[in-house]
Structures are given as C-alpha cells and as structure tokens.
PDB file of N, CA and C in Angstrom:
ATOM      1  N   MET A   1       2.367   7.962   3.433  1.00  0.00           N
ATOM      2  CA  MET A   1       2.941   8.940   3.138  1.00  0.00           C
ATOM      3  C   MET A   1       3.549   8.443   1.681  1.00  0.00           C
ATOM      4  N   LEU A   2       3.392   9.392   0.786  1.00  0.00           N
ATOM      5  CA  LEU A   2       4.003   8.488  -0.602  1.00  0.00           C
ATOM      6  C   LEU A   2       5.245   9.528  -0.878  1.00  0.00           C
ATOM      7  N   GLU A   3       5.921   8.505  -1.560  1.00  0.00           N
ATOM      8  CA  GLU A   3       7.482   9.343  -2.100  1.00  0.00           C
ATOM      9  C   GLU A   3       7.756   8.227  -3.211  1.00  0.00           C
ATOM     10  N   THR A   4       7.883   9.483  -4.012  1.00  0.00           N
ATOM     11  CA  THR A   4       8.849   9.309  -5.261  1.00  0.00           C
ATOM     12  C   THR A   4      10.315   9.052  -5.316  1.00  0.00           C
ATOM     13  N   ILE A   5      11.249   7.777  -5.801  1.00  0.00           N
ATOM     14  CA  ILE A   5      12.815   8.197  -5.836  1.00  0.00           C
ATOM     15  C   ILE A   5      12.770   7.573  -7.207  1.00  0.00           C
ATOM     16  N   SER A   6      13.679   8.294  -7.845  1.00  0.00           N
ATOM     17  CA  SER A   6      13.692   7.294  -9.341  1.00  0.00           C
ATOM     18  C   SER A   6      12.396   7.104 -10.270  1.00  0.00           C
ATOM     19  N   GLY A   7      11.818   8.218  -9.915  1.00  0.00           N
ATOM     20  CA  GLY A   7       9.971   7.996 -10.771  1.00  0.00           C
ATOM     21  C   GLY A   7       9.499   6.484 -10.193  1.00  0.00           C
ATOM     22  N   ILE A   8      10.129   6.491  -9.056  1.00  0.00           N
ATOM     23  CA  ILE A   8       8.884   5.179  -8.358  1.00  0.00           C
ATOM     24  C   ILE A   8       8.119   5.267  -7.094  1.00  0.00           C
ATOM     25  N   THR A   9       7.258   5.560  -7.179  1.00  0.00           N
ATOM     26  CA  THR A   9       6.399   6.205  -5.984  1.00  0.00           C
ATOM     27  C   THR A   9       6.569   4.755  -4.923  1.00  0.00           C
ATOM     28  N   LEU A  10       6.616   4.764  -3.339  1.00  0.00           N
ATOM     29  CA  LEU A  10       6.807   4.270  -2.817  1.00  0.00           C
ATOM     30  C   LEU A  10       5.555   4.397  -1.788  1.00  0.00           C
ATOM     31  N   THR A  11       5.155   3.630  -0.657  1.00  0.00           N
ATOM     32  CA  THR A  11       4.061   3.968   0.467  1.00  0.00           C
ATOM     33  C   THR A  11       4.198   3.077   1.702  1.00  0.00           C
ATOM     34  N   ASP A  12       4.611   4.509   2.377  1.00  0.00           N
ATOM     35  CA  ASP A  12       5.081   3.934   3.667  1.00  0.00           C
ATOM     36  C   ASP A  12       3.368   3.206   4.741  1.00  0.00           C
ATOM     37  N   GLU A  13       2.854   3.413   4.269  1.00  0.00           N
ATOM     38  CA  GLU A  13       1.839   2.331   4.593  1.00  0.00           C
ATOM     39  C   GLU A  13       2.162   0.439   4.387  1.00  0.00           C
ATOM     40  N   TYR A  14       3.245   0.413   3.414  1.00  0.00           N
ATOM     41  CA  TYR A  14       3.764  -1.263   3.475  1.00  0.00           C
ATOM     42  C   TYR A  14       4.981  -1.028   2.971  1.00  0.00           C
ATOM     43  N   TRP A  15       5.185  -2.288   3.631  1.00  0.00           N
ATOM     44  CA  TRP A  15       7.185  -2.553   3.076  1.00  0.00           C
ATOM     45  C   TRP A  15       7.079  -3.760   2.855  1.00  0.00           C
ATOM     46  N   ASP A  16       8.144  -4.069   1.630  1.00  0.00           N
ATOM     47  CA  ASP A  16       8.521  -5.090   1.204  1.00  0.00           C
ATOM     48  C   ASP A  16       9.531  -6.379   2.218  1.00  0.00           C
ATOM     49  N   CYS A  17       8.944  -7.581   2.637  1.00  0.00           N
ATOM     50  CA  CYS A  17       9.802  -8.492   3.304  1.00  0.00           C
ATOM     51  C   CYS A  17      10.376  -9.437   2.193  1.00  0.00           C
ATOM     52  N   ASP A  18      11.717  -9.782   2.712  1.00  0.00           N
ATOM     53  CA  ASP A  18      12.105 -11.134   1.916  1.00  0.00           C
ATOM     54  C   ASP A  18      11.636 -12.293   1.142  1.00  0.00           C
ATOM     55  N   CYS A  19      10.696 -12.573   1.596  1.00  0.00           N
ATOM     56  CA  CYS A  19      10.014 -13.789   1.128  1.00  0.00           C
ATOM     57  C   CYS A  19       9.447 -13.378  -0.563  1.00  0.00           C
ATOM     58  N   PRO A  20       9.972 -14.768  -0.967  1.00  0.00           N
ATOM     59  CA  PRO A  20       9.849 -14.887  -2.487  1.00  0.00           C
ATOM     60  C   PRO A  20       8.707 -14.283  -3.344  1.00  0.00           C
ATOM     61  N   ASP A  21       8.501 -13.519  -4.440  1.00  0.00           N
ATOM     62  CA  ASP A  21       7.953 -12.498  -5.091  1.00  0.00           C
ATOM     63  C   ASP A  21       6.714 -13.865  -5.742  1.00  0.00           C
ATOM     64  N   ASP A  22       5.969 -14.622  -4.891  1.00  0.00           N
ATOM     65  CA  ASP A  22       4.589 -15.291  -5.352  1.00  0.00           C
ATOM     66  C   ASP A  22       3.791 -14.571  -4.591  1.00  0.00           C
ATOM     67  N   GLY A  23       2.989 -14.072  -5.614  1.00  0.00           N
ATOM     68  CA  GLY A  23       1.741 -13.689  -5.173  1.00  0.00           C
ATOM     69  C   GLY A  23       1.162 -12.389  -4.527  1.00  0.00           C
ATOM     70  N   PHE A  24       2.455 -12.046  -4.226  1.00  0.00           N
ATOM     71  CA  PHE A  24       2.651 -10.252  -3.634  1.00  0.00           C
ATOM     72  C   PHE A  24       2.509 -10.708  -1.806  1.00  0.00           C
ATOM     73  N   GLU A  25       3.094 -11.691  -1.240  1.00  0.00           N
ATOM     74  CA  GLU A  25       3.330 -12.586   0.071  1.00  0.00           C
ATOM     75  C   GLU A  25       4.101 -11.548   0.856  1.00  0.00           C
ATOM     76  N   TYR A  26       5.093 -11.046  -0.227  1.00  0.00           N
ATOM     77  CA  TYR A  26       6.140  -9.758   0.115  1.00  0.00           C
ATOM     78  C   TYR A  26       5.522  -8.831   0.786  1.00  0.00           C
ATOM     79  N   ILE A  27       4.220  -8.742   0.757  1.00  0.00           N
ATOM     80  CA  ILE A  27       4.126  -6.704   1.163  1.00  0.00           C
ATOM     81  C   ILE A  27       3.581  -7.032   2.194  1.00  0.00           C
ATOM     82  N   LYS A  28       3.860  -6.433   3.322  1.00  0.00           N
ATOM     83  CA  LYS A  28       3.156  -6.320   4.826  1.00  0.00           C
ATOM     84  C   LYS A  28       2.847  -5.086   5.051  1.00  0.00           C
ATOM     85  N   PRO A  29       1.764  -4.967   6.207  1.00  0.00           N
ATOM     86  CA  PRO A  29       1.442  -3.871   6.655  1.00  0.00           C
ATOM     87  C   PRO A  29       2.633  -3.305   7.472  1.00  0.00           C
ATOM     88  N   ALA A  30       2.176  -1.677   7.696  1.00  0.00           N
ATOM     89  CA  ALA A  30       3.038  -0.599   8.485  1.00  0.00           C
ATOM     90  C   ALA A  30       3.019  -1.678  10.191  1.00  0.00           C
ATOM     91  N   SER A  31       1.844  -2.162  10.105  1.00  0.00           N
ATOM     92  CA  SER A  31       1.565  -2.462  11.708  1.00  0.00           C
ATOM     93  C   SER A  31       2.705  -3.693  12.028  1.00  0.00           C
ATOM     94  N   LEU A  32       2.872  -4.074  11.556  1.00  0.00           N
ATOM     95  CA  LEU A  32       3.267  -5.715  11.410  1.00  0.00           C
ATOM     96  C   LEU A  32       5.242  -4.867  11.229  1.00  0.00           C
ATOM     97  N   SER A  33       5.373  -5.330  12.062  1.00  0.00           N
ATOM     98  CA  SER A  33       6.821  -4.784  12.549  1.00  0.00           C
ATOM     99  C   SER A  33       8.060  -6.244  11.497  1.00  0.00           C
ATOM    100  N   CYS A  34       7.655  -7.596  11.956  1.00  0.00           N
ATOM    101  CA  CYS A  34       8.720  -8.431  11.591  1.00  0.00           C
ATOM    102  C   CYS A  34       7.544  -9.266  11.032  1.00  0.00           C
ATOM    103  N   CYS A  35       7.917  -9.982   9.971  1.00  0.00           N
ATOM    104  CA  CYS A  35       7.302 -11.190   8.690  1.00  0.00           C
ATOM    105  C   CYS A  35       7.740 -12.534   9.833  1.00  0.00           C
ATOM    106  N   ASP A  36       6.774 -13.116   9.633  1.00  0.00           N
ATOM    107  CA  ASP A  36       7.169 -14.318  10.009  1.00  0.00           C
ATOM    108  C   ASP A  36       7.143 -15.570   9.216  1.00  0.00           C
ATOM    109  N   LYS A  37       7.437 -15.110   8.577  1.00  0.00           N
ATOM    110  CA  LYS A  37       8.060 -15.840   7.748  1.00  0.00           C
ATOM    111  C   LYS A  37       9.355 -16.211   7.254  1.00  0.00           C
ATOM    112  N   CYS A  38      10.109 -15.215   6.974  1.00  0.00           N
ATOM    113  CA  CYS A  38      11.196 -15.341   6.708  1.00  0.00           C
ATOM    114  C   CYS A  38      11.919 -14.354   7.491  1.00  0.00           C
ATOM    115  N   GLY A  39      11.316 -13.621   8.385  1.00  0.00           N
ATOM    116  CA  GLY A  39      12.501 -13.146   9.907  1.00  0.00           C
ATOM    117  C   GLY A  39      12.628 -11.986   9.627  1.00  0.00           C
ATOM    118  N   ALA A  40      12.742 -11.125   8.316  1.00  0.00           N
ATOM    119  CA  ALA A  40      12.565  -9.345   8.237  1.00  0.00           C
ATOM    120  C   ALA A  40      11.865  -8.432   8.913  1.00  0.00           C
ATOM    121  N   LEU A  41      12.742  -8.184   8.994  1.00  0.00           N
ATOM    122  CA  LEU A  41      12.112  -6.544  10.253  1.00  0.00           C
ATOM    123  C   LEU A  41      12.114  -5.358   9.396  1.00  0.00           C
ATOM    124  N   GLN A  42      11.040  -4.687   9.848  1.00  0.00           N
ATOM    125  CA  GLN A  42      10.262  -4.061   9.030  1.00  0.00           C
ATOM    126  C   GLN A  42      11.822  -2.726   9.018  1.00  0.00           C
ATOM    127  N   GLU A  43      12.145  -2.168  10.401  1.00  0.00           N
ATOM    128  CA  GLU A  43      12.890  -1.272  10.009  1.00  0.00           C
ATOM    129  C   GLU A  43      14.264  -1.089   9.213  1.00  0.00           C
ATOM    130  N   ASP A  44      14.595  -2.544   9.119  1.00  0.00           N
ATOM    131  CA  ASP A  44      15.594  -3.191   7.607  1.00  0.00           C
ATOM    132  C   ASP A  44      15.045  -3.422   6.627  1.00  0.00           C
ATOM    133  N   GLN A  45      13.860  -3.371   5.572  1.00  0.00           N
ATOM    134  CA  GLN A  45      13.552  -3.256   4.546  1.00  0.00           C
ATOM    135  C   GLN A  45      12.503  -1.910   3.854  1.00  0.00           C
ATOM    136  N   PRO A  46      12.727  -1.606   2.702  1.00  0.00           N
ATOM    137  CA  PRO A  46      12.531  -0.973   2.230  1.00  0.00           C
ATOM    138  C   PRO A  46      10.921  -0.962   1.989  1.00  0.00           C
ATOM    139  N   SER A  47      10.251   0.477   1.943  1.00  0.00           N
ATOM    140  CA  SER A  47       8.389   0.866   2.016  1.00  0.00           C
ATOM    141  C   SER A  47       8.685   0.202   0.119  1.00  0.00           C
ATOM    142  N   ALA A  48       7.255  -0.428   0.278  1.00  0.00           N
ATOM    143  CA  ALA A  48       6.577  -0.757  -0.546  1.00  0.00           C
ATOM    144  C   ALA A  48       5.958  -0.114  -1.685  1.00  0.00           C
ATOM    145  N   HIS A  49       6.237  -0.446  -3.412  1.00  0.00           N
ATOM    146  CA  HIS A  49       6.067  -0.104  -4.515  1.00  0.00           C
ATOM    147  C   HIS A  49       4.709   0.740  -4.526  1.00  0.00           C
ATOM    148  N   LEU A  50       4.249   1.458  -4.811  1.00  0.00           N
ATOM    149  CA  LEU A  50       2.479   1.766  -4.664  1.00  0.00           C
ATOM    150  C   LEU A  50       1.603   1.079  -6.045  1.00  0.00           C
ATOM    151  N   ASN A  51       2.450   0.923  -6.733  1.00  0.00           N
ATOM    152  CA  ASN A  51       1.688   0.045  -8.048  1.00  0.00           C
ATOM    153  C   ASN A  51       1.339  -1.456  -7.791  1.00  0.00           C
ATOM    154  N   GLU A  52       3.048  -1.953  -7.262  1.00  0.00           N
ATOM    155  CA  GLU A  52       2.481  -3.178  -6.054  1.00  0.00           C
ATOM    156  C   GLU A  52       1.315  -3.325  -4.925  1.00  0.00           C
ATOM    157  N   VAL A  53       0.947  -2.526  -4.485  1.00  0.00           N
ATOM    158  CA  VAL A  53       0.868  -2.237  -3.799  1.00  0.00           C
ATOM    159  C   VAL A  53      -1.059  -2.497  -4.067  1.00  0.00           C
ATOM    160  N   ILE A  54      -1.170  -1.381  -4.671  1.00  0.00           N
ATOM    161  CA  ILE A  54      -2.472  -1.483  -5.598  1.00  0.00           C
ATOM    162  C   ILE A  54      -2.724  -2.392  -6.939  1.00  0.00           C
ATOM    163  N   ALA A  55      -1.947  -3.150  -7.762  1.00  0.00           N
ATOM    164  CA  ALA A  55      -1.917  -4.465  -7.939  1.00  0.00           C
ATOM    165  C   ALA A  55      -2.512  -6.198  -6.878  1.00  0.00           C
ATOM    166  N   ALA A  56      -2.145  -5.694  -5.905  1.00  0.00           N
ATOM    167  CA  ALA A  56      -2.163  -6.801  -4.745  1.00  0.00           C
ATOM    168  C   ALA A  56      -3.940  -6.670  -4.159  1.00  0.00           C
ATOM    169  N   GLY A  57      -4.321  -5.713  -4.515  1.00  0.00           N
ATOM    170  CA  GLY A  57      -5.344  -4.958  -3.877  1.00  0.00           C
ATOM    171  C   GLY A  57      -5.443  -4.353  -2.850  1.00  0.00           C
ATOM    172  N   LEU A  58      -4.474  -4.376  -2.288  1.00  0.00           N
ATOM    173  CA  LEU A  58      -4.518  -3.668  -0.762  1.00  0.00           C
ATOM    174  C   LEU A  58      -4.751  -2.337  -0.757  1.00  0.00           C
ATOM    175  N   PRO A  59      -5.472  -1.986   0.079  1.00  0.00           N
ATOM    176  CA  PRO A  59      -6.181  -0.639   0.067  1.00  0.00           C
ATOM    177  C   PRO A  59      -5.005   0.651   0.756  1.00  0.00           C
ATOM    178  N   VAL A  60      -4.929   1.556   0.259  1.00  0.00           N
ATOM    179  CA  VAL A  60      -4.116   2.822   0.187  1.00  0.00           C
ATOM    180  C   VAL A  60      -4.800   3.996   0.959  1.00  0.00           C
ATOM    181  N   ASN A  61      -4.225   4.322   2.052  1.00  0.00           N
ATOM    182  CA  ASN A  61      -5.122   5.569   2.518  1.00  0.00           C
ATOM    183  C   ASN A  61      -4.253   7.045   1.670  1.00  0.00           C
ATOM    184  N   SER A  62      -2.801   6.615   1.275  1.00  0.00           N
ATOM    185  CA  SER A  62      -2.098   7.844   0.954  1.00  0.00           C
ATOM    186  C   SER A  62      -2.519   8.034  -0.305  1.00  0.00           C
ATOM    187  N   GLU A  63      -3.264   9.382  -0.368  1.00  0.00           N
ATOM    188  CA  GLU A  63      -3.013  10.029  -1.795  1.00  0.00           C
ATOM    189  C   GLU A  63      -2.134  10.436  -2.994  1.00  0.00           C
ATOM    190  N   PRO A  64      -1.856  10.028  -4.121  1.00  0.00           N
ATOM    191  CA  PRO A  64      -0.825  10.160  -5.392  1.00  0.00           C
ATOM    192  C   PRO A  64      -0.612  11.946  -4.796  1.00  0.00           C
ATOM    193  N   GLY A  65      -0.030  12.256  -5.169  1.00  0.00           N
ATOM    194  CA  GLY A  65       0.640  13.698  -4.526  1.00  0.00           C
ATOM    195  C   GLY A  65       0.536  14.051  -3.242  1.00  0.00           C
ATOM    196  N   THR A  66       0.632  13.199  -2.461  1.00  0.00           N
ATOM    197  CA  THR A  66       0.849  13.647  -1.274  1.00  0.00           C
ATOM    198  C   THR A  66       2.288  13.242  -0.741  1.00  0.00           C
ATOM    199  N   GLU A  67       3.128  13.615  -1.253  1.00  0.00           N
ATOM    200  CA  GLU A  67       4.495  13.169  -1.318  1.00  0.00           C
ATOM    201  C   GLU A  67       4.699  14.145  -0.083  1.00  0.00           C
TER     202      GLU A  67
END
C-alpha cells in the first residue's frame, strides 16, 4: 500500500532501519522484522520513501495512486 504524507509517498512493502545512508542498505523488505546490522525493529521504524525504493532498484508491487 502507498501512503502520501506531506508530499512524500511511502510504501509499506519496505521500511527504513537505522543503518547509515550508504547505498540504500537502510531499506529493508517488510518480510524482515529486524535489521541484523543495527538491530532496529520494523515496528518502530518508518515505511520507506517510494522514490528511494525505486532508486535502489527494488521491486514495488503497489501502483502509484493506490493509497
């Protein structure tokens, strides 16, 4: 599902952990509940920005406009 907040489109197919911003490694799939590098838990982290997921070359099943 896509959600737009303050002009930023988020996807619940991925979430952002607390790893440093180097090469999109901070974008985790929703199927992963915890980051093995930084220890962040999905339930405590925000959904990923759709534009960053696309820039990372990750597949997205949600279609824009399906908010």
